[in-house]
Protein backbone atom coordinates (compact mmCIF):
# COMPACT_ATOMS: atom_id res chain seq x y z
CA MET A 1 -48.69 12.57 16.44
CA ALA A 2 -45.03 12.14 15.59
CA SER A 3 -44.27 10.00 12.53
CA LYS A 4 -42.62 6.44 13.10
CA LYS A 5 -38.87 6.18 12.39
CA LYS A 6 -38.02 3.99 9.51
CA LYS A 7 -36.23 0.84 10.31
CA LEU A 8 -33.65 -0.96 8.50
CA ARG A 9 -32.27 -4.55 8.72
CA ALA A 10 -28.84 -4.33 8.11
CA ASP A 11 -26.03 -7.13 7.51
CA PHE A 12 -23.27 -7.20 9.82
CA ARG A 13 -19.86 -8.99 9.78
CA LYS A 14 -19.89 -12.76 11.13
CA ASN A 15 -17.64 -11.75 14.00
CA ARG A 16 -19.49 -8.74 15.37
CA SER A 17 -19.94 -10.57 18.50
CA VAL A 18 -17.28 -12.75 20.14
CA ARG A 19 -18.22 -16.14 21.86
CA VAL A 20 -16.86 -16.14 25.22
CA ARG A 21 -14.44 -19.11 25.59
CA GLU A 22 -15.50 -21.52 28.63
CA LYS A 23 -12.57 -21.47 31.29
CA ASP A 24 -13.29 -24.75 32.93
CA LEU A 25 -12.75 -26.93 30.04
CA THR A 26 -9.91 -28.95 31.73
CA GLN A 27 -12.25 -29.51 34.78
CA SER A 28 -15.25 -30.69 32.58
CA PHE A 29 -12.75 -33.27 31.02
CA ASP A 30 -11.42 -34.41 34.43
CA ALA A 31 -15.05 -34.67 35.60
CA ASP A 32 -15.99 -36.96 32.40
CA ALA A 33 -13.29 -39.53 33.32
CA GLU A 34 -15.42 -40.24 36.39
CA GLY A 35 -18.51 -40.76 34.47
CA ASN A 36 -19.97 -37.37 34.29
CA LYS A 37 -21.33 -36.13 30.94
CA ILE A 38 -19.69 -33.17 28.96
CA GLN A 39 -21.90 -30.62 27.50
CA ASP A 40 -21.19 -30.53 23.80
CA ALA A 41 -19.67 -26.83 23.17
CA GLN A 42 -21.79 -24.68 20.57
CA THR A 43 -20.63 -25.19 16.85
CA ARG A 44 -23.42 -23.72 14.88
CA GLN A 45 -23.99 -19.92 14.61
CA SER A 46 -27.63 -18.40 13.85
CA VAL A 47 -27.76 -16.19 10.81
CA SER A 48 -31.02 -15.06 11.49
CA GLY A 49 -33.32 -14.03 14.40
CA LYS A 50 -31.93 -12.13 17.68
CA GLY A 51 -29.47 -14.59 19.00
CA GLU A 52 -25.94 -13.48 20.40
CA LEU A 53 -24.33 -14.30 17.29
CA THR A 54 -26.86 -13.02 14.69
CA ARG A 55 -25.52 -11.33 11.38
CA LYS A 56 -28.74 -9.00 11.28
CA ARG A 57 -29.60 -5.96 13.20
CA THR A 58 -32.29 -3.38 13.02
CA LEU A 59 -31.19 0.41 12.61
CA ALA A 60 -33.60 3.08 13.27
CA GLY A 61 -33.69 5.98 10.98
CA ALA A 62 -30.95 4.57 8.54
CA GLU A 63 -31.35 4.24 4.79
CA VAL A 64 -29.56 2.39 2.08
CA VAL A 65 -28.07 3.94 -1.06
CA GLU A 66 -26.26 2.61 -4.17
CA ASP A 67 -22.73 4.58 -4.93
CA ASP A 68 -19.92 3.94 -7.01
CA SER A 69 -18.36 1.44 -4.52
CA GLY A 70 -21.59 -0.36 -4.14
CA ARG A 71 -24.50 -0.71 -1.68
CA VAL A 72 -24.08 1.59 1.37
CA VAL A 73 -25.89 1.77 4.62
CA LEU A 74 -26.35 5.40 6.10
CA PRO A 75 -27.01 5.45 9.59
CA ALA A 76 -28.98 8.33 11.31
CA ILE A 77 -26.90 11.04 12.83
CA ASP A 78 -27.71 14.11 15.06
CA THR A 79 -26.71 17.11 12.68
CA SER A 80 -26.99 19.48 15.57
CA ILE A 81 -23.92 17.73 17.21
CA CYS A 82 -21.86 16.15 14.14
CA ARG A 83 -19.80 18.19 11.78
CA ARG A 84 -18.96 17.73 8.11
CA GLY A 85 -15.42 16.93 7.10
CA ARG A 86 -13.14 15.44 4.36
CA VAL A 87 -10.94 12.57 5.22
CA LEU A 88 -7.31 13.39 4.30
CA ARG A 89 -5.69 10.10 5.10
CA VAL A 90 -6.16 7.03 7.05
CA GLN A 91 -3.40 5.72 9.44
CA GLY A 92 -4.47 2.38 11.13
CA LEU A 93 -7.36 2.78 13.28
CA VAL A 94 -7.12 6.78 12.82
CA SER A 95 -8.38 9.11 10.22
CA VAL A 96 -7.34 12.52 9.87
CA VAL A 97 -10.43 14.54 8.98
CA ARG A 98 -10.22 18.31 7.90
CA GLU A 99 -13.27 20.46 8.86
CA THR A 100 -14.66 23.13 6.42
CA ASP A 101 -12.76 25.81 8.31
CA GLY A 102 -9.40 23.94 7.86
CA THR A 103 -8.70 22.63 11.17
CA GLU A 104 -7.85 19.10 11.41
CA ARG A 105 -8.80 16.43 13.88
CA GLN A 106 -7.81 12.82 14.58
CA CYS A 107 -11.03 10.79 14.46
CA ALA A 108 -11.73 7.03 15.36
CA THR A 109 -14.47 5.34 13.43
CA ARG A 110 -17.81 4.22 15.01
CA ARG A 111 -17.94 0.57 15.83
CA LEU A 112 -21.41 0.44 13.86
CA LEU A 113 -19.66 1.34 10.85
CA LYS A 114 -16.73 -1.17 11.20
CA THR A 115 -19.07 -4.02 11.87
CA LEU A 116 -21.52 -3.67 8.93
CA GLY A 117 -21.52 -6.30 6.46
CA THR A 118 -19.42 -4.95 3.37
CA ASP A 119 -16.98 -6.41 0.84
CA GLN A 120 -14.28 -3.50 1.57
CA ARG A 121 -11.17 -4.01 3.59
CA HIS A 122 -11.69 -0.44 5.22
CA VAL A 123 -14.91 1.50 5.65
CA VAL A 124 -13.26 4.78 5.64
CA ALA A 125 -10.68 6.09 2.71
CA ALA A 126 -8.89 9.04 1.70
CA GLY A 127 -11.16 11.37 0.10
CA ASP A 128 -14.34 10.39 1.75
CA GLU A 129 -16.87 13.22 2.99
CA VAL A 130 -17.93 12.09 6.44
CA TRP A 131 -19.98 13.41 9.42
CA PHE A 132 -18.21 13.08 12.68
CA ARG A 133 -18.88 13.88 16.40
CA PRO A 134 -16.12 16.21 17.97
CA GLU A 135 -14.38 14.77 21.11
CA GLY A 136 -12.28 17.55 22.76
CA ASP A 137 -10.34 20.05 20.93
CA THR A 138 -8.52 17.69 18.23
CA GLU A 139 -10.38 14.33 18.12
CA GLY A 140 -13.55 12.94 16.88
CA ILE A 141 -15.66 10.03 16.02
CA ILE A 142 -16.73 9.16 12.35
CA GLU A 143 -20.33 8.48 12.39
CA ARG A 144 -21.30 8.21 8.83
CA VAL A 145 -19.56 8.18 5.68
CA GLU A 146 -21.60 10.06 2.59
CA PRO A 147 -22.14 8.29 -0.59
CA ARG A 148 -19.11 8.19 -3.04
CA HIS A 149 -18.18 8.81 -6.33
CA GLY A 150 -14.99 8.50 -8.44
CA VAL A 151 -13.97 5.55 -6.51
CA LEU A 152 -10.51 4.16 -7.36
CA SER A 153 -10.18 0.49 -5.90
CA ARG A 154 -8.62 -2.74 -6.47
CA THR A 155 -9.01 -6.50 -5.21
CA SER A 156 -6.85 -7.22 -2.40
CA ARG A 157 -7.18 -10.93 -0.93
CA GLY A 158 -10.62 -11.24 -2.32
CA ARG A 159 -12.03 -8.08 -1.02
CA GLN A 160 -12.33 -4.44 -2.30
CA HIS A 161 -9.39 -2.21 -1.24
CA VAL A 162 -10.65 1.48 -1.87
CA LEU A 163 -7.58 3.49 -2.60
CA VAL A 164 -9.33 6.87 -2.88
CA THR A 165 -12.65 8.35 -3.15
CA ASN A 166 -14.34 11.29 -4.74
CA VAL A 167 -11.80 12.21 -7.35
CA ASP A 168 -12.81 13.38 -11.04
CA GLN A 169 -9.44 12.67 -12.58
CA LEU A 170 -6.82 9.79 -12.56
CA LEU A 171 -3.05 10.75 -13.20
CA ILE A 172 -1.60 7.27 -14.21
CA VAL A 173 2.23 7.84 -13.84
CA SER A 174 4.68 5.25 -15.43
CA SER A 175 8.50 5.65 -15.99
CA ALA A 176 10.29 5.27 -19.36
CA ALA A 177 13.00 3.52 -17.58
CA GLN A 178 14.05 2.53 -13.88
CA PRO A 179 11.79 0.77 -13.46
CA ARG A 180 10.64 -0.31 -16.96
CA LEU A 181 7.33 0.75 -18.21
CA LYS A 182 4.71 -1.97 -17.97
CA PRO A 183 1.93 -1.23 -20.42
CA ASN A 184 -0.31 -3.96 -19.16
CA LEU A 185 -0.38 -2.22 -15.77
CA LEU A 186 -1.17 0.97 -17.57
CA ASP A 187 -4.10 -0.80 -19.20
CA ARG A 188 -5.43 -2.23 -16.05
CA TYR A 189 -5.40 1.39 -14.93
CA LEU A 190 -7.16 2.60 -17.84
CA VAL A 191 -9.99 -0.23 -17.37
CA THR A 192 -10.54 0.86 -13.75
CA ALA A 193 -10.85 4.52 -14.84
CA GLU A 194 -13.25 3.50 -17.47
CA ARG A 195 -15.32 1.29 -15.01
CA ALA A 196 -15.65 4.20 -12.36
CA GLY A 197 -16.09 6.96 -14.93
CA ILE A 198 -13.04 8.98 -14.13
CA GLU A 199 -11.21 10.88 -16.76
CA ALA A 200 -7.65 9.24 -17.16
CA VAL A 201 -4.53 11.05 -18.07
CA ILE A 202 -1.22 9.08 -18.82
CA CYS A 203 1.99 10.47 -17.52
CA ILE A 204 5.39 8.82 -18.62
CA ASN A 205 7.98 10.18 -16.29
CA LYS A 206 11.84 9.90 -16.65
CA VAL A 207 12.17 10.57 -20.34
CA ASP A 208 15.64 11.99 -19.65
CA LEU A 209 16.66 8.43 -19.49
CA VAL A 210 15.68 7.36 -22.82
CA ASP A 211 15.43 8.57 -26.22
CA PRO A 212 11.89 10.16 -26.47
CA ALA A 213 11.36 9.03 -30.01
CA ASP A 214 11.35 5.28 -28.77
CA LEU A 215 8.36 6.25 -26.82
CA GLN A 216 6.40 7.66 -30.13
CA PRO A 217 4.67 4.43 -31.05
CA LEU A 218 3.18 3.95 -27.53
CA VAL A 219 2.22 7.44 -27.24
CA GLY A 220 0.45 7.39 -30.68
CA VAL A 221 -1.62 4.52 -29.60
CA TYR A 222 -3.07 5.87 -26.55
CA SER A 223 -3.57 9.42 -28.04
CA GLN A 224 -5.59 8.03 -31.02
CA LEU A 225 -7.77 6.48 -28.30
CA GLY A 226 -8.36 9.86 -26.84
CA TYR A 227 -6.23 9.85 -23.81
CA ARG A 228 -3.98 12.71 -23.05
CA VAL A 229 -0.23 11.83 -22.55
CA LEU A 230 2.15 13.73 -21.02
CA LEU A 231 6.00 13.10 -21.08
CA THR A 232 7.82 14.55 -18.10
CA SER A 233 11.24 14.72 -16.19
CA ALA A 234 11.10 15.36 -12.67
CA ILE A 235 14.77 15.93 -12.72
CA GLU A 236 15.03 18.19 -15.69
CA GLY A 237 11.84 19.80 -15.32
CA TRP A 238 10.22 18.80 -18.55
CA GLY A 239 6.54 18.70 -19.06
CA MET A 240 5.90 20.42 -15.31
CA GLU A 241 4.02 23.35 -16.69
CA ALA A 242 1.50 21.40 -18.56
CA LEU A 243 1.13 18.86 -15.85
CA ARG A 244 0.47 21.91 -13.37
CA GLU A 245 -2.05 23.16 -15.65
CA LEU A 246 -3.77 19.60 -15.90
CA LEU A 247 -4.06 19.43 -12.12
CA GLU A 248 -5.27 23.30 -11.24
CA GLY A 249 -8.77 23.29 -9.69
CA ARG A 250 -9.29 19.64 -10.12
CA GLU A 251 -9.28 16.63 -7.71
CA THR A 252 -6.75 14.19 -9.17
CA ALA A 253 -5.63 10.66 -7.83
CA VAL A 254 -1.72 10.06 -8.47
CA THR A 255 -1.15 6.30 -9.11
CA GLY A 256 1.28 3.94 -10.63
CA GLN A 257 3.72 1.28 -9.71
CA SER A 258 6.53 1.94 -7.15
CA GLY A 259 9.61 4.12 -8.07
CA VAL A 260 8.12 5.77 -11.17
CA GLY A 261 8.44 9.03 -9.26
CA LYS A 262 4.92 10.17 -8.30
CA SER A 263 6.14 11.79 -5.27
CA SER A 264 9.11 13.51 -7.03
CA LEU A 265 6.84 15.00 -9.58
CA LEU A 266 4.51 16.42 -6.76
CA ASN A 267 7.45 17.99 -5.01
CA VAL A 268 8.39 19.75 -8.04
CA LEU A 269 4.64 21.12 -8.69
CA GLU A 270 4.26 21.76 -4.89
CA PRO A 271 7.76 22.09 -3.24
CA GLY A 272 6.28 22.77 0.17
CA LEU A 273 4.80 19.01 0.20
CA LYS A 274 8.51 17.74 1.11
CA LEU A 275 7.26 14.11 0.24
CA ARG A 276 9.78 11.29 0.77
CA VAL A 277 11.44 9.84 -2.07
CA GLN A 278 14.00 7.16 -2.56
CA SER A 279 15.98 5.48 -5.34
CA VAL A 280 15.22 2.20 -7.52
CA SER A 281 16.69 -0.83 -6.53
CA GLY A 282 19.64 -1.24 -9.11
CA GLU A 283 19.57 -4.94 -8.85
CA THR A 284 15.86 -5.49 -9.36
CA GLU A 285 14.69 -2.10 -11.02
CA LYS A 286 11.69 -2.33 -8.62
CA GLY A 287 10.79 0.92 -6.78
CA ARG A 288 10.89 1.00 -2.86
CA HIS A 289 7.62 1.90 -0.99
CA THR A 290 7.96 5.45 0.34
CA THR A 291 4.34 6.42 0.13
CA THR A 292 2.50 3.97 2.41
CA THR A 293 -0.98 5.58 2.60
CA ALA A 294 -3.14 7.61 0.15
CA GLU A 295 -3.09 11.22 1.18
CA LEU A 296 -5.22 14.21 0.12
CA LEU A 297 -2.83 17.10 -0.52
CA PRO A 298 -4.18 20.49 -1.16
CA LEU A 299 -2.50 22.58 -4.20
CA SER A 300 -1.66 26.26 -3.87
CA THR A 301 -3.11 26.64 -7.33
CA GLY A 302 -6.60 24.96 -6.12
CA GLY A 303 -7.86 21.53 -6.06
CA TYR A 304 -6.29 18.45 -4.25
CA VAL A 305 -4.07 15.70 -5.44
CA VAL A 306 -4.07 12.23 -3.90
CA ASP A 307 -0.52 10.57 -3.46
CA THR A 308 -1.37 6.91 -3.45
CA PRO A 309 0.86 3.91 -2.45
CA GLY A 310 3.17 2.45 -5.23
CA ILE A 311 1.52 -0.73 -6.58
CA ARG A 312 3.51 -3.54 -8.11
CA GLN A 313 0.26 -5.76 -9.00
CA PHE A 314 -3.08 -4.13 -9.67
CA GLN A 315 -6.02 -6.81 -9.57
CA LEU A 316 -9.26 -5.41 -11.08
CA TRP A 317 -12.35 -5.07 -8.45
CA ASP A 318 -15.78 -5.91 -9.85
CA VAL A 319 -14.94 -6.44 -13.29
CA VAL A 320 -15.82 -9.94 -14.79
CA PRO A 321 -14.14 -11.31 -17.74
CA GLU A 322 -17.20 -10.86 -19.96
CA GLU A 323 -17.12 -7.05 -19.45
CA VAL A 324 -13.43 -6.45 -19.93
CA ALA A 325 -13.69 -5.85 -24.06
CA GLY A 326 -16.34 -3.15 -23.18
CA PHE A 327 -13.87 -1.13 -21.27
CA TYR A 328 -11.22 -1.13 -24.02
CA ARG A 329 -12.11 2.02 -26.05
CA ASP A 330 -10.36 0.28 -29.39
CA LEU A 331 -12.02 -2.93 -29.02
CA ARG A 332 -15.56 -1.76 -27.88
CA PRO A 333 -16.84 -0.53 -31.45
CA TYR A 334 -16.14 -4.24 -32.71
CA VAL A 335 -17.70 -6.02 -30.09
CA SER A 336 -21.38 -5.97 -31.35
CA HIS A 337 -20.12 -7.00 -34.84
CA CYS A 338 -19.08 -10.46 -33.64
CA ARG A 339 -21.22 -13.48 -34.91
CA PHE A 340 -21.77 -14.86 -31.63
CA SER A 341 -23.30 -12.66 -28.67
CA ASP A 342 -21.27 -14.42 -26.01
CA CYS A 343 -17.98 -14.11 -28.08
CA THR A 344 -14.81 -13.90 -25.88
CA HIS A 345 -12.78 -12.71 -28.72
CA THR A 346 -10.11 -15.34 -27.91
CA HIS A 347 -10.65 -18.33 -30.13
CA GLU A 348 -14.20 -18.02 -32.15
CA GLU A 349 -14.30 -17.75 -35.78
CA PRO A 350 -15.36 -15.44 -37.11
CA CYS A 351 -14.66 -12.73 -34.68
CA ALA A 352 -14.96 -9.02 -35.47
CA VAL A 353 -12.43 -7.94 -32.73
CA LYS A 354 -9.79 -10.51 -33.96
CA ASP A 355 -10.30 -9.35 -37.60
CA ALA A 356 -9.62 -5.73 -36.52
CA VAL A 357 -6.34 -6.78 -35.12
CA ALA A 358 -5.14 -8.84 -38.21
CA ASP A 359 -6.33 -5.77 -40.39
CA GLY A 360 -4.29 -3.38 -38.23
CA TYR A 361 -6.90 -1.33 -36.59
CA VAL A 362 -6.39 -2.56 -33.22
CA ASP A 363 -2.95 -2.52 -31.76
CA VAL A 364 -1.60 -6.24 -31.33
CA ARG A 365 0.14 -5.40 -27.88
CA ARG A 366 -3.34 -3.94 -26.62
CA TYR A 367 -5.01 -7.10 -27.85
CA GLU A 368 -2.74 -9.04 -26.06
CA SER A 369 -3.01 -7.09 -22.89
CA TYR A 370 -6.76 -7.77 -23.21
CA LEU A 371 -6.14 -11.54 -23.38
CA GLN A 372 -4.00 -11.18 -20.40
CA ILE A 373 -6.68 -9.34 -18.16
CA ARG A 374 -9.50 -11.54 -19.28
CA ALA A 375 -7.65 -14.54 -18.37
CA GLY A 376 -7.22 -13.32 -14.90
CA ASP A 377 -3.44 -12.92 -15.07
CA ASP A 378 -1.54 -10.68 -12.64
CA ALA A 379 0.30 -7.48 -14.19
């Protein structure tokens, strides 16, 4: 006797079904003027049961797992028809998927995946391992997204914006000048890397525009915390060999604010990429957005880099204020020594973290950065 398929009751978005608007509202209104009764329009929505607007649905053969992006529903698929692939980039409603043999397909996303209840803005992101059903010679339908690790995401309009998935290294690119270096934004990326368990590397580009000696205090602070810091210049070619060795055979997300030279660095490392670059605005010293979507780029030396869009503000995702200190390597050792177990390290006395700052064991600027992030201020 065949075994019963497992059934899963899954949450769906509220608007997975659209209520059809009545077309005779004017006629009904006119009829009411003659004494006829208007039927009240439906104003309530069922959130359980099997009504037209239900937000639940039973999926046969599906399972639920927890990955680095949260709770994930894995629909059942037919592996005899579907193929495995990696998402290179997402452009609107189309995802470019590379098969194991190197061929690329333009894939749409199955409606089931798009309507599942989730906090994510988009259910498919660059770097995802997916199962897709081939359609014709060059197209396909993504049927399932495999569990993720190494997820880089931020908060956007109250939802999770996944920038890239399945990376093992995060290269945070800042610029020494044009635009100016923003240490607080750098700290936000480091907190995200600590939260996701991704190894973080700091790259300060455009060092040809300043005296490198001026950067040594900042470099010293992060180096003492165990972060690797590279000083580079895409124009002069400084630090390129060390950066090339760092990326070889790894899957690296390259991120940072607009205009710091992420695409320029990648063009020097891999000339065949020919990524678009633009100059920084002379008036505002802000970068212009040239990279508009995250994209997996294979390297000739092995591995991938993911060129992500430049970001001027980076709001942390799934990090509550009480957790922030634990993601600061320099604050973490002192947290357990505070007098109060729920110490916020802002106003309490005595406080081991504040004492460490006063005694010079913790950099004052890093502590101020912690206060800004904990308060929820944007970078």
